[in-house]
Amino acid sequence: MSQSDGAKRTPTDKAMGIGGLSRGRVARKGPALQREHLQSAADLAKSLSDENRLRILDCISRGKQSVGGIAKELSLSQPLVSHHLRELRRTLLVKIERNGAFVYYELSDPRTLDVVRMLGAIAKDSLSNRNTF
């Protein structure tokens, strides 16, 4: 899809490498979603659907942190942080490192933050284009 068709490309479109919207369709680059990957993607999306989990991911993206360190930095209770870390571990978004009695958490894959940023950009673009609520 070219820009000559009058379609407007948002920053999200540019980042995703897709053309602008035209007649309700979005041009797509790359292969179609594989059916076997959809459940994995849904599990990751569920895990990313909580604001506190996103805050935890952002916190540990700056370096390894203990549960107590995360709780203190984010002003959350330790049980709540532990609960969210269990979910993030279940979906393999974080990994742990044991050092004696201490357990430290870090991102498993830095691309996770790219996904979160992209979702934020899509949400921002969607809200800015919304006419009714």
N, C-alpha and C. Protein backbone atom coordinates (compact mmCIF):
# COMPACT_ATOMS: atom_id res chain seq x y z
N MET A 1 0.85 -1.16 0.00
CA MET A 1 0.00 0.00 0.00
C MET A 1 0.90 1.22 0.00
N SER A 2 0.65 2.13 -0.87
CA SER A 2 1.51 3.29 -0.98
C SER A 2 0.87 4.48 -0.29
N GLN A 3 1.66 5.48 -0.07
CA GLN A 3 1.16 6.70 0.53
C GLN A 3 0.31 7.48 -0.46
N SER A 4 0.40 7.18 -1.74
CA SER A 4 -0.35 7.91 -2.75
C SER A 4 -1.85 7.62 -2.69
N ASP A 5 -2.27 6.59 -1.95
CA ASP A 5 -3.69 6.29 -1.84
C ASP A 5 -4.39 7.16 -0.81
N GLY A 6 -3.66 8.11 -0.23
CA GLY A 6 -4.25 9.05 0.71
C GLY A 6 -4.34 8.54 2.13
N ALA A 7 -3.86 7.35 2.40
CA ALA A 7 -3.93 6.78 3.75
C ALA A 7 -2.89 7.43 4.63
N LYS A 8 -3.26 7.66 5.86
CA LYS A 8 -2.36 8.28 6.82
C LYS A 8 -1.66 7.21 7.66
N ARG A 9 -0.35 7.29 7.76
CA ARG A 9 0.41 6.34 8.56
C ARG A 9 0.67 6.94 9.93
N THR A 10 0.35 6.19 10.97
CA THR A 10 0.63 6.63 12.33
C THR A 10 2.04 6.21 12.69
N PRO A 11 2.62 6.75 13.79
CA PRO A 11 3.94 6.28 14.23
C PRO A 11 3.94 4.78 14.50
N THR A 12 2.82 4.25 14.97
CA THR A 12 2.73 2.81 15.22
C THR A 12 2.83 2.04 13.91
N ASP A 13 2.11 2.52 12.88
CA ASP A 13 2.18 1.88 11.57
C ASP A 13 3.62 1.84 11.07
N LYS A 14 4.30 2.96 11.20
CA LYS A 14 5.68 3.04 10.72
C LYS A 14 6.57 2.06 11.49
N ALA A 15 6.39 2.01 12.80
CA ALA A 15 7.22 1.12 13.61
C ALA A 15 6.94 -0.34 13.29
N MET A 16 5.69 -0.64 12.94
CA MET A 16 5.32 -2.03 12.63
C MET A 16 5.60 -2.37 11.17
N GLY A 17 5.95 -1.35 10.36
CA GLY A 17 6.24 -1.60 8.96
C GLY A 17 5.00 -1.87 8.13
N ILE A 18 3.88 -1.22 8.50
CA ILE A 18 2.65 -1.43 7.74
C ILE A 18 2.21 -0.12 7.12
N GLY A 19 1.39 -0.24 6.10
CA GLY A 19 0.85 0.93 5.44
C GLY A 19 -0.25 1.55 6.26
N GLY A 20 -0.76 2.66 5.78
CA GLY A 20 -1.83 3.35 6.48
C GLY A 20 -3.16 2.63 6.33
N LEU A 21 -4.16 3.11 7.04
CA LEU A 21 -5.49 2.51 6.98
C LEU A 21 -6.19 2.97 5.71
N SER A 22 -6.84 2.06 5.05
CA SER A 22 -7.59 2.38 3.85
C SER A 22 -8.76 1.42 3.74
N ARG A 23 -9.95 1.96 3.67
CA ARG A 23 -11.16 1.14 3.57
C ARG A 23 -11.22 0.06 4.63
N GLY A 24 -10.76 0.37 5.87
CA GLY A 24 -10.87 -0.55 6.99
C GLY A 24 -9.85 -1.68 6.99
N ARG A 25 -8.89 -1.66 6.09
CA ARG A 25 -7.90 -2.73 6.03
C ARG A 25 -6.52 -2.18 6.36
N VAL A 26 -5.68 -3.05 6.91
CA VAL A 26 -4.31 -2.70 7.21
C VAL A 26 -3.41 -3.60 6.39
N ALA A 27 -2.48 -2.99 5.66
CA ALA A 27 -1.52 -3.78 4.91
C ALA A 27 -0.60 -4.47 5.90
N ARG A 28 -0.24 -5.70 5.61
CA ARG A 28 0.57 -6.46 6.55
C ARG A 28 1.84 -6.90 5.86
N LYS A 29 2.93 -6.76 6.57
CA LYS A 29 4.20 -7.30 6.10
C LYS A 29 4.46 -8.59 6.82
N GLY A 30 5.01 -9.55 6.13
CA GLY A 30 5.35 -10.81 6.77
C GLY A 30 4.24 -11.83 6.66
N PRO A 31 4.52 -13.02 7.14
CA PRO A 31 3.55 -14.13 7.02
C PRO A 31 2.37 -13.96 7.97
N ALA A 32 1.30 -14.66 7.65
CA ALA A 32 0.12 -14.67 8.51
C ALA A 32 0.48 -15.32 9.84
N LEU A 33 -0.31 -15.03 10.86
CA LEU A 33 -0.09 -15.64 12.17
C LEU A 33 -0.27 -17.15 12.07
N GLN A 34 0.64 -17.87 12.65
CA GLN A 34 0.55 -19.33 12.66
C GLN A 34 -0.41 -19.76 13.76
N ARG A 35 -1.33 -20.64 13.44
CA ARG A 35 -2.34 -21.08 14.40
C ARG A 35 -1.72 -21.61 15.69
N GLU A 36 -0.62 -22.35 15.59
CA GLU A 36 0.01 -22.93 16.78
C GLU A 36 0.64 -21.88 17.69
N HIS A 37 0.87 -20.68 17.15
CA HIS A 37 1.47 -19.63 17.96
C HIS A 37 0.43 -18.75 18.64
N LEU A 38 -0.81 -18.87 18.22
CA LEU A 38 -1.85 -17.99 18.75
C LEU A 38 -2.08 -18.20 20.25
N GLN A 39 -2.08 -19.45 20.72
CA GLN A 39 -2.29 -19.70 22.15
C GLN A 39 -1.14 -19.13 22.97
N SER A 40 0.08 -19.29 22.48
CA SER A 40 1.25 -18.73 23.18
C SER A 40 1.15 -17.21 23.24
N ALA A 41 0.75 -16.61 22.12
CA ALA A 41 0.60 -15.15 22.08
C ALA A 41 -0.51 -14.71 23.04
N ALA A 42 -1.59 -15.47 23.11
CA ALA A 42 -2.70 -15.13 24.03
C ALA A 42 -2.23 -15.22 25.48
N ASP A 43 -1.44 -16.24 25.81
CA ASP A 43 -0.92 -16.37 27.17
C ASP A 43 -0.02 -15.19 27.53
N LEU A 44 0.84 -14.80 26.60
CA LEU A 44 1.70 -13.64 26.86
C LEU A 44 0.87 -12.37 27.02
N ALA A 45 -0.13 -12.21 26.17
CA ALA A 45 -0.98 -11.02 26.25
C ALA A 45 -1.68 -10.95 27.60
N LYS A 46 -2.18 -12.10 28.09
CA LYS A 46 -2.80 -12.13 29.42
C LYS A 46 -1.82 -11.71 30.49
N SER A 47 -0.61 -12.22 30.39
CA SER A 47 0.41 -11.90 31.38
C SER A 47 0.77 -10.42 31.36
N LEU A 48 0.67 -9.80 30.20
CA LEU A 48 0.99 -8.37 30.05
C LEU A 48 -0.21 -7.47 30.31
N SER A 49 -1.35 -8.06 30.67
CA SER A 49 -2.58 -7.27 30.78
C SER A 49 -2.78 -6.59 32.13
N ASP A 50 -1.79 -6.62 32.99
CA ASP A 50 -1.91 -6.00 34.30
C ASP A 50 -0.88 -4.87 34.42
N GLU A 51 -1.34 -3.70 34.82
CA GLU A 51 -0.46 -2.54 34.92
C GLU A 51 0.70 -2.78 35.90
N ASN A 52 0.43 -3.44 37.02
CA ASN A 52 1.51 -3.71 37.98
C ASN A 52 2.57 -4.63 37.38
N ARG A 53 2.15 -5.59 36.57
CA ARG A 53 3.15 -6.46 35.91
C ARG A 53 4.00 -5.66 34.95
N LEU A 54 3.39 -4.74 34.25
CA LEU A 54 4.15 -3.89 33.33
C LEU A 54 5.14 -3.01 34.11
N ARG A 55 4.70 -2.52 35.25
CA ARG A 55 5.60 -1.71 36.09
C ARG A 55 6.76 -2.56 36.60
N ILE A 56 6.47 -3.81 36.95
CA ILE A 56 7.53 -4.72 37.42
C ILE A 56 8.52 -4.99 36.29
N LEU A 57 8.02 -5.24 35.09
CA LEU A 57 8.91 -5.48 33.96
C LEU A 57 9.80 -4.27 33.70
N ASP A 58 9.21 -3.09 33.78
CA ASP A 58 10.01 -1.87 33.60
C ASP A 58 11.07 -1.76 34.68
N CYS A 59 10.70 -2.06 35.90
CA CYS A 59 11.62 -1.97 37.04
C CYS A 59 12.81 -2.91 36.85
N ILE A 60 12.55 -4.16 36.49
CA ILE A 60 13.65 -5.12 36.37
C ILE A 60 14.41 -4.97 35.05
N SER A 61 13.88 -4.16 34.15
CA SER A 61 14.61 -3.93 32.89
C SER A 61 15.87 -3.11 33.14
N ARG A 62 15.93 -2.45 34.27
CA ARG A 62 17.09 -1.62 34.61
C ARG A 62 18.14 -2.39 35.39
N GLY A 63 17.88 -3.67 35.63
CA GLY A 63 18.84 -4.51 36.34
C GLY A 63 18.14 -5.48 37.26
N LYS A 64 18.88 -6.47 37.69
CA LYS A 64 18.34 -7.50 38.57
C LYS A 64 17.83 -6.87 39.86
N GLN A 65 16.70 -7.40 40.32
CA GLN A 65 16.08 -6.88 41.54
C GLN A 65 15.51 -8.03 42.36
N SER A 66 15.54 -7.85 43.67
CA SER A 66 14.88 -8.80 44.57
C SER A 66 13.41 -8.40 44.70
N VAL A 67 12.61 -9.31 45.24
CA VAL A 67 11.19 -8.99 45.48
C VAL A 67 11.08 -7.75 46.35
N GLY A 68 11.88 -7.71 47.41
CA GLY A 68 11.84 -6.55 48.32
C GLY A 68 12.22 -5.26 47.62
N GLY A 69 13.23 -5.32 46.76
CA GLY A 69 13.66 -4.14 46.02
C GLY A 69 12.59 -3.65 45.07
N ILE A 70 11.94 -4.59 44.40
CA ILE A 70 10.85 -4.23 43.48
C ILE A 70 9.69 -3.61 44.26
N ALA A 71 9.33 -4.27 45.36
CA ALA A 71 8.21 -3.79 46.19
C ALA A 71 8.48 -2.37 46.69
N LYS A 72 9.70 -2.13 47.14
CA LYS A 72 10.05 -0.80 47.66
C LYS A 72 10.02 0.24 46.55
N GLU A 73 10.62 -0.07 45.41
CA GLU A 73 10.69 0.90 44.32
C GLU A 73 9.31 1.25 43.77
N LEU A 74 8.42 0.26 43.73
CA LEU A 74 7.09 0.49 43.15
C LEU A 74 6.01 0.78 44.18
N SER A 75 6.38 0.80 45.45
CA SER A 75 5.43 1.03 46.54
C SER A 75 4.27 0.02 46.49
N LEU A 76 4.64 -1.24 46.33
CA LEU A 76 3.68 -2.35 46.34
C LEU A 76 4.04 -3.29 47.48
N SER A 77 3.08 -4.08 47.93
CA SER A 77 3.38 -5.05 48.98
C SER A 77 4.19 -6.21 48.40
N GLN A 78 5.00 -6.84 49.27
CA GLN A 78 5.78 -7.98 48.81
C GLN A 78 4.90 -9.13 48.34
N PRO A 79 3.80 -9.46 49.03
CA PRO A 79 2.94 -10.54 48.53
C PRO A 79 2.38 -10.25 47.13
N LEU A 80 2.01 -8.99 46.89
CA LEU A 80 1.49 -8.63 45.57
C LEU A 80 2.57 -8.76 44.50
N VAL A 81 3.78 -8.29 44.79
CA VAL A 81 4.88 -8.42 43.84
C VAL A 81 5.18 -9.89 43.58
N SER A 82 5.22 -10.70 44.63
CA SER A 82 5.48 -12.14 44.47
C SER A 82 4.42 -12.79 43.60
N HIS A 83 3.16 -12.42 43.80
CA HIS A 83 2.07 -12.96 42.99
C HIS A 83 2.29 -12.65 41.51
N HIS A 84 2.61 -11.40 41.21
CA HIS A 84 2.82 -11.00 39.82
C HIS A 84 4.07 -11.64 39.23
N LEU A 85 5.11 -11.77 40.01
CA LEU A 85 6.33 -12.41 39.52
C LEU A 85 6.09 -13.88 39.19
N ARG A 86 5.23 -14.55 39.97
CA ARG A 86 4.88 -15.95 39.66
C ARG A 86 4.25 -16.04 38.27
N GLU A 87 3.34 -15.12 37.98
CA GLU A 87 2.69 -15.12 36.67
C GLU A 87 3.71 -14.80 35.57
N LEU A 88 4.58 -13.86 35.81
CA LEU A 88 5.59 -13.50 34.81
C LEU A 88 6.59 -14.65 34.59
N ARG A 89 6.89 -15.38 35.65
CA ARG A 89 7.75 -16.58 35.52
C ARG A 89 7.04 -17.68 34.76
N ARG A 90 5.74 -17.85 35.02
CA ARG A 90 4.95 -18.89 34.36
C ARG A 90 4.98 -18.70 32.85
N THR A 91 4.94 -17.47 32.41
CA THR A 91 4.95 -17.19 30.97
C THR A 91 6.36 -16.91 30.45
N LEU A 92 7.35 -17.18 31.29
CA LEU A 92 8.77 -17.09 30.90
C LEU A 92 9.22 -15.68 30.53
N LEU A 93 8.54 -14.66 31.06
CA LEU A 93 8.92 -13.28 30.77
C LEU A 93 10.05 -12.81 31.69
N VAL A 94 10.20 -13.47 32.83
CA VAL A 94 11.31 -13.15 33.73
C VAL A 94 12.08 -14.41 34.06
N LYS A 95 13.32 -14.23 34.44
CA LYS A 95 14.12 -15.36 34.90
C LYS A 95 14.68 -14.99 36.26
N ILE A 96 15.06 -16.03 37.00
CA ILE A 96 15.55 -15.80 38.35
C ILE A 96 17.01 -16.21 38.44
N GLU A 97 17.66 -15.59 39.41
CA GLU A 97 19.04 -15.95 39.75
C GLU A 97 19.10 -16.05 41.27
N ARG A 98 19.53 -17.19 41.74
CA ARG A 98 19.65 -17.39 43.19
C ARG A 98 21.08 -17.08 43.62
N ASN A 99 21.18 -16.35 44.71
CA ASN A 99 22.48 -16.02 45.29
C ASN A 99 22.35 -16.21 46.80
N GLY A 100 22.65 -17.42 47.25
CA GLY A 100 22.45 -17.75 48.65
C GLY A 100 20.97 -17.75 48.96
N ALA A 101 20.60 -16.99 49.98
CA ALA A 101 19.19 -16.91 50.38
C ALA A 101 18.40 -15.91 49.54
N PHE A 102 19.08 -15.19 48.67
CA PHE A 102 18.42 -14.15 47.88
C PHE A 102 18.07 -14.64 46.48
N VAL A 103 16.94 -14.16 45.98
CA VAL A 103 16.50 -14.46 44.62
C VAL A 103 16.35 -13.13 43.89
N TYR A 104 16.96 -13.05 42.73
CA TYR A 104 16.90 -11.83 41.92
C TYR A 104 16.18 -12.12 40.62
N TYR A 105 15.42 -11.15 40.18
CA TYR A 105 14.62 -11.28 38.96
C TYR A 105 15.16 -10.34 37.89
N GLU A 106 15.10 -10.83 36.64
CA GLU A 106 15.47 -9.99 35.51
C GLU A 106 14.64 -10.39 34.30
N LEU A 107 14.61 -9.53 33.30
CA LEU A 107 13.89 -9.83 32.07
C LEU A 107 14.51 -11.02 31.37
N SER A 108 13.69 -11.89 30.85
CA SER A 108 14.20 -13.01 30.06
C SER A 108 14.62 -12.55 28.68
N ASP A 109 13.89 -11.59 28.13
CA ASP A 109 14.14 -11.13 26.77
C ASP A 109 13.82 -9.63 26.70
N PRO A 110 14.80 -8.81 26.36
CA PRO A 110 14.56 -7.36 26.32
C PRO A 110 13.51 -6.95 25.27
N ARG A 111 13.20 -7.82 24.32
CA ARG A 111 12.17 -7.50 23.32
C ARG A 111 10.80 -7.35 23.96
N THR A 112 10.64 -7.90 25.17
CA THR A 112 9.37 -7.76 25.88
C THR A 112 9.00 -6.30 26.04
N LEU A 113 9.99 -5.47 26.38
CA LEU A 113 9.71 -4.04 26.54
C LEU A 113 9.35 -3.39 25.21
N ASP A 114 9.91 -3.88 24.11
CA ASP A 114 9.54 -3.37 22.79
C ASP A 114 8.06 -3.64 22.53
N VAL A 115 7.60 -4.84 22.91
CA VAL A 115 6.19 -5.19 22.74
C VAL A 115 5.31 -4.27 23.58
N VAL A 116 5.72 -4.02 24.82
CA VAL A 116 4.94 -3.15 25.70
C VAL A 116 4.89 -1.73 25.12
N ARG A 117 6.03 -1.25 24.63
CA ARG A 117 6.05 0.09 24.02
C ARG A 117 5.12 0.14 22.81
N MET A 118 5.16 -0.90 21.99
CA MET A 118 4.32 -0.95 20.80
C MET A 118 2.84 -0.96 21.19
N LEU A 119 2.48 -1.75 22.20
CA LEU A 119 1.09 -1.76 22.67
C LEU A 119 0.67 -0.39 23.17
N GLY A 120 1.58 0.28 23.87
CA GLY A 120 1.28 1.63 24.35
C GLY A 120 1.06 2.60 23.20
N ALA A 121 1.87 2.49 22.16
CA ALA A 121 1.71 3.37 20.99
C ALA A 121 0.40 3.09 20.27
N ILE A 122 0.04 1.81 20.14
CA ILE A 122 -1.23 1.46 19.50
C ILE A 122 -2.39 2.00 20.32
N ALA A 123 -2.32 1.85 21.63
CA ALA A 123 -3.39 2.37 22.51
C ALA A 123 -3.51 3.88 22.37
N LYS A 124 -2.39 4.57 22.35
CA LYS A 124 -2.40 6.03 22.22
C LYS A 124 -3.01 6.44 20.89
N ASP A 125 -2.59 5.79 19.80
CA ASP A 125 -3.13 6.10 18.48
C ASP A 125 -4.62 5.80 18.42
N SER A 126 -5.02 4.68 18.99
CA SER A 126 -6.45 4.31 18.97
C SER A 126 -7.29 5.33 19.71
N LEU A 127 -6.81 5.76 20.87
CA LEU A 127 -7.56 6.73 21.66
C LEU A 127 -7.61 8.09 20.99
N SER A 128 -6.53 8.48 20.33
CA SER A 128 -6.51 9.79 19.68
C SER A 128 -7.43 9.82 18.45
N ASN A 129 -7.69 8.65 17.86
CA ASN A 129 -8.57 8.58 16.69
C ASN A 129 -10.01 8.28 17.04
N ARG A 130 -10.28 8.08 18.32
CA ARG A 130 -11.62 7.70 18.76
C ARG A 130 -12.52 8.94 18.84
N ASN A 131 -13.70 8.84 18.25
CA ASN A 131 -14.65 9.97 18.23
C ASN A 131 -15.74 9.84 19.28
N THR A 132 -16.07 8.60 19.67
CA THR A 132 -17.13 8.38 20.66
C THR A 132 -16.64 7.42 21.72
N PHE A 133 -17.33 7.40 22.84
CA PHE A 133 -16.96 6.49 23.92
C PHE A 133 -18.07 5.56 24.24
